[in-house]
Amino acid sequence: MSYRNAKEILPAYLLEEIQRYVKGEIVYIPKQNEEKIKWGIKNGSRKKYDKRNNDIRALKSGGMTIDEIARAYYLSSDSIRKIVSS
């Protein structure tokens, strides 16, 4: 996403109307009909964490302790408990 000066792209009447609400701030204007994409879908993070969480659940089912898994994944024991219980 790039920054563009509204003065260069909007008609004067529209710029004046927008300035009634915001002055000197950065405003995000979404695309029309932009669908909300869930977190991590575009860049693959969601898939990566889903796989990690499934691996953690499998290790727990296989008999590994919460503390052992936490050390192996560099996560807190509380984080591992949340993953296993979800």
N, C-alpha and C. Protein backbone atom coordinates (compact mmCIF):
# COMPACT_ATOMS: atom_id res chain seq x y z
N MET A 1 0.85 -1.15 0.00
CA MET A 1 0.00 0.00 0.00
C MET A 1 0.91 1.23 0.00
N SER A 2 0.62 2.17 -0.86
CA SER A 2 1.46 3.35 -0.95
C SER A 2 0.69 4.60 -0.54
N TYR A 3 1.43 5.61 -0.14
CA TYR A 3 0.87 6.88 0.28
C TYR A 3 0.68 7.77 -0.93
N ARG A 4 -0.48 8.39 -1.04
CA ARG A 4 -0.74 9.35 -2.11
C ARG A 4 -1.41 10.57 -1.52
N ASN A 5 -1.04 11.74 -1.99
CA ASN A 5 -1.61 12.98 -1.50
C ASN A 5 -3.01 13.15 -2.08
N ALA A 6 -3.99 13.30 -1.20
CA ALA A 6 -5.38 13.43 -1.64
C ALA A 6 -5.58 14.63 -2.54
N LYS A 7 -4.81 15.69 -2.34
CA LYS A 7 -4.93 16.91 -3.15
C LYS A 7 -4.65 16.61 -4.62
N GLU A 8 -3.82 15.60 -4.87
CA GLU A 8 -3.44 15.26 -6.24
C GLU A 8 -4.46 14.35 -6.92
N ILE A 9 -5.33 13.68 -6.16
CA ILE A 9 -6.20 12.69 -6.80
C ILE A 9 -7.69 12.94 -6.60
N LEU A 10 -8.07 13.75 -5.61
CA LEU A 10 -9.49 13.98 -5.36
C LEU A 10 -9.92 15.35 -5.87
N PRO A 11 -11.16 15.46 -6.32
CA PRO A 11 -11.67 16.78 -6.70
C PRO A 11 -11.73 17.68 -5.45
N ALA A 12 -11.59 18.98 -5.65
CA ALA A 12 -11.51 19.94 -4.54
C ALA A 12 -12.72 19.84 -3.61
N TYR A 13 -13.93 19.71 -4.17
CA TYR A 13 -15.13 19.65 -3.32
C TYR A 13 -15.11 18.42 -2.39
N LEU A 14 -14.60 17.30 -2.90
CA LEU A 14 -14.54 16.08 -2.09
C LEU A 14 -13.45 16.20 -1.02
N LEU A 15 -12.33 16.77 -1.39
CA LEU A 15 -11.25 16.98 -0.43
C LEU A 15 -11.72 17.87 0.72
N GLU A 16 -12.43 18.94 0.39
CA GLU A 16 -12.95 19.85 1.43
C GLU A 16 -13.94 19.13 2.35
N GLU A 17 -14.75 18.27 1.79
CA GLU A 17 -15.72 17.51 2.60
C GLU A 17 -14.99 16.55 3.55
N ILE A 18 -13.99 15.87 3.05
CA ILE A 18 -13.21 14.94 3.89
C ILE A 18 -12.50 15.72 4.99
N GLN A 19 -11.99 16.91 4.66
CA GLN A 19 -11.28 17.72 5.65
C GLN A 19 -12.19 18.19 6.79
N ARG A 20 -13.48 18.17 6.58
CA ARG A 20 -14.41 18.49 7.68
C ARG A 20 -14.34 17.43 8.78
N TYR A 21 -13.95 16.22 8.42
CA TYR A 21 -13.90 15.10 9.36
C TYR A 21 -12.49 14.79 9.86
N VAL A 22 -11.52 14.86 8.97
CA VAL A 22 -10.13 14.57 9.34
C VAL A 22 -9.21 15.57 8.67
N LYS A 23 -8.22 16.02 9.41
CA LYS A 23 -7.24 16.97 8.87
C LYS A 23 -5.84 16.48 9.22
N GLY A 24 -5.01 16.28 8.22
CA GLY A 24 -3.62 15.93 8.45
C GLY A 24 -3.40 14.52 8.98
N GLU A 25 -4.37 13.66 8.86
CA GLU A 25 -4.22 12.28 9.31
C GLU A 25 -4.17 11.35 8.11
N ILE A 26 -3.62 10.18 8.31
CA ILE A 26 -3.62 9.17 7.26
C ILE A 26 -4.92 8.39 7.37
N VAL A 27 -5.62 8.27 6.27
CA VAL A 27 -6.91 7.58 6.24
C VAL A 27 -6.82 6.44 5.24
N TYR A 28 -7.22 5.25 5.66
CA TYR A 28 -7.26 4.10 4.76
C TYR A 28 -8.61 4.06 4.07
N ILE A 29 -8.62 3.99 2.77
CA ILE A 29 -9.86 3.86 2.01
C ILE A 29 -9.86 2.48 1.37
N PRO A 30 -10.74 1.59 1.85
CA PRO A 30 -10.75 0.21 1.33
C PRO A 30 -11.28 0.16 -0.10
N LYS A 31 -10.88 -0.89 -0.79
CA LYS A 31 -11.41 -1.14 -2.13
C LYS A 31 -12.89 -1.44 -2.04
N GLN A 32 -13.62 -1.16 -3.10
CA GLN A 32 -15.03 -1.51 -3.13
C GLN A 32 -15.17 -3.02 -3.11
N ASN A 33 -16.15 -3.50 -2.37
CA ASN A 33 -16.45 -4.93 -2.28
C ASN A 33 -15.24 -5.76 -1.86
N GLU A 34 -14.36 -5.16 -1.08
CA GLU A 34 -13.18 -5.90 -0.62
C GLU A 34 -13.61 -6.94 0.40
N GLU A 35 -13.31 -8.19 0.10
CA GLU A 35 -13.65 -9.27 1.02
C GLU A 35 -12.64 -9.30 2.15
N LYS A 36 -13.12 -9.56 3.34
CA LYS A 36 -12.24 -9.67 4.50
C LYS A 36 -11.55 -11.03 4.43
N ILE A 37 -10.23 -10.98 4.35
CA ILE A 37 -9.44 -12.21 4.30
C ILE A 37 -8.94 -12.47 5.71
N LYS A 38 -9.10 -13.69 6.16
CA LYS A 38 -8.67 -14.04 7.51
C LYS A 38 -7.17 -13.90 7.65
N TRP A 39 -6.75 -13.68 8.91
CA TRP A 39 -5.35 -13.47 9.22
C TRP A 39 -4.49 -14.63 8.72
N GLY A 40 -3.38 -14.29 8.07
CA GLY A 40 -2.38 -15.27 7.68
C GLY A 40 -2.67 -16.07 6.42
N ILE A 41 -3.79 -15.85 5.78
CA ILE A 41 -4.14 -16.61 4.58
C ILE A 41 -3.25 -16.21 3.41
N LYS A 42 -3.09 -14.91 3.20
CA LYS A 42 -2.32 -14.43 2.04
C LYS A 42 -0.85 -14.85 2.09
N ASN A 43 -0.22 -14.73 3.25
CA ASN A 43 1.21 -14.97 3.32
C ASN A 43 1.58 -16.37 3.80
N GLY A 44 0.60 -17.22 4.07
CA GLY A 44 0.88 -18.60 4.45
C GLY A 44 1.11 -18.83 5.93
N SER A 45 1.05 -17.78 6.74
CA SER A 45 1.28 -17.94 8.18
C SER A 45 0.24 -18.84 8.82
N ARG A 46 -1.01 -18.69 8.41
CA ARG A 46 -2.08 -19.49 9.00
C ARG A 46 -1.79 -20.98 8.82
N LYS A 47 -1.37 -21.36 7.59
CA LYS A 47 -1.08 -22.77 7.29
C LYS A 47 0.08 -23.27 8.14
N LYS A 48 1.10 -22.42 8.28
CA LYS A 48 2.29 -22.78 9.07
C LYS A 48 1.91 -23.05 10.53
N TYR A 49 1.13 -22.14 11.12
CA TYR A 49 0.76 -22.30 12.53
C TYR A 49 -0.24 -23.44 12.73
N ASP A 50 -1.12 -23.65 11.77
CA ASP A 50 -2.05 -24.79 11.87
C ASP A 50 -1.27 -26.10 11.88
N LYS A 51 -0.25 -26.21 11.01
CA LYS A 51 0.56 -27.42 10.98
C LYS A 51 1.31 -27.60 12.30
N ARG A 52 1.91 -26.50 12.79
CA ARG A 52 2.63 -26.57 14.06
C ARG A 52 1.71 -27.02 15.18
N ASN A 53 0.52 -26.45 15.24
CA ASN A 53 -0.42 -26.80 16.31
C ASN A 53 -0.88 -28.25 16.20
N ASN A 54 -1.09 -28.72 14.99
CA ASN A 54 -1.46 -30.14 14.80
C ASN A 54 -0.32 -31.05 15.23
N ASP A 55 0.92 -30.66 14.91
CA ASP A 55 2.09 -31.44 15.35
C ASP A 55 2.17 -31.47 16.87
N ILE A 56 1.91 -30.34 17.51
CA ILE A 56 1.93 -30.27 18.97
C ILE A 56 0.88 -31.19 19.57
N ARG A 57 -0.33 -31.18 19.02
CA ARG A 57 -1.40 -32.06 19.51
C ARG A 57 -1.00 -33.54 19.35
N ALA A 58 -0.37 -33.85 18.22
CA ALA A 58 0.05 -35.24 17.98
C ALA A 58 1.12 -35.66 18.99
N LEU A 59 2.06 -34.77 19.28
CA LEU A 59 3.09 -35.10 20.27
C LEU A 59 2.47 -35.34 21.65
N LYS A 60 1.49 -34.51 22.01
CA LYS A 60 0.82 -34.68 23.30
C LYS A 60 0.07 -36.01 23.33
N SER A 61 -0.60 -36.33 22.24
CA SER A 61 -1.33 -37.61 22.16
C SER A 61 -0.36 -38.78 22.20
N GLY A 62 0.84 -38.57 21.70
CA GLY A 62 1.85 -39.62 21.69
C GLY A 62 2.56 -39.81 23.01
N GLY A 63 2.22 -38.98 24.01
CA GLY A 63 2.77 -39.18 25.34
C GLY A 63 3.79 -38.15 25.82
N MET A 64 4.14 -37.20 24.99
CA MET A 64 5.07 -36.17 25.41
C MET A 64 4.40 -35.25 26.43
N THR A 65 5.15 -34.75 27.38
CA THR A 65 4.57 -33.87 28.40
C THR A 65 4.48 -32.44 27.86
N ILE A 66 3.65 -31.64 28.51
CA ILE A 66 3.48 -30.23 28.15
C ILE A 66 4.84 -29.51 28.22
N ASP A 67 5.58 -29.74 29.29
CA ASP A 67 6.87 -29.07 29.47
C ASP A 67 7.88 -29.47 28.39
N GLU A 68 7.88 -30.73 28.00
CA GLU A 68 8.80 -31.18 26.94
C GLU A 68 8.45 -30.51 25.61
N ILE A 69 7.17 -30.44 25.32
CA ILE A 69 6.73 -29.80 24.06
C ILE A 69 7.06 -28.31 24.10
N ALA A 70 6.83 -27.68 25.23
CA ALA A 70 7.11 -26.25 25.38
C ALA A 70 8.59 -25.96 25.11
N ARG A 71 9.47 -26.78 25.65
CA ARG A 71 10.90 -26.60 25.41
C ARG A 71 11.25 -26.83 23.94
N ALA A 72 10.66 -27.83 23.34
CA ALA A 72 10.96 -28.16 21.94
C ALA A 72 10.51 -27.05 20.98
N TYR A 73 9.41 -26.38 21.30
CA TYR A 73 8.86 -25.34 20.40
C TYR A 73 9.14 -23.92 20.89
N TYR A 74 9.88 -23.80 21.99
CA TYR A 74 10.21 -22.48 22.55
C TYR A 74 8.94 -21.67 22.83
N LEU A 75 7.96 -22.35 23.40
CA LEU A 75 6.70 -21.71 23.80
C LEU A 75 6.51 -21.92 25.29
N SER A 76 5.61 -21.14 25.88
CA SER A 76 5.31 -21.33 27.30
C SER A 76 4.42 -22.56 27.47
N SER A 77 4.44 -23.11 28.66
CA SER A 77 3.56 -24.26 28.96
C SER A 77 2.10 -23.87 28.80
N ASP A 78 1.77 -22.63 29.18
CA ASP A 78 0.39 -22.16 29.02
C ASP A 78 -0.02 -22.13 27.55
N SER A 79 0.88 -21.69 26.67
CA SER A 79 0.58 -21.67 25.24
C SER A 79 0.32 -23.08 24.72
N ILE A 80 1.13 -24.03 25.16
CA ILE A 80 0.97 -25.42 24.72
C ILE A 80 -0.39 -25.95 25.22
N ARG A 81 -0.73 -25.65 26.46
CA ARG A 81 -2.02 -26.11 27.00
C ARG A 81 -3.19 -25.56 26.16
N LYS A 82 -3.12 -24.29 25.78
CA LYS A 82 -4.17 -23.67 24.96
C LYS A 82 -4.28 -24.37 23.61
N ILE A 83 -3.14 -24.66 23.01
CA ILE A 83 -3.13 -25.33 21.70
C ILE A 83 -3.73 -26.73 21.82
N VAL A 84 -3.30 -27.46 22.83
CA VAL A 84 -3.76 -28.84 23.01
C VAL A 84 -5.26 -28.88 23.31
N SER A 85 -5.75 -27.90 24.05
CA SER A 85 -7.17 -27.94 24.43
C SER A 85 -8.09 -27.39 23.36
N SER A 86 -7.54 -26.75 22.34
CA SER A 86 -8.40 -26.18 21.30
C SER A 86 -8.73 -27.19 20.21
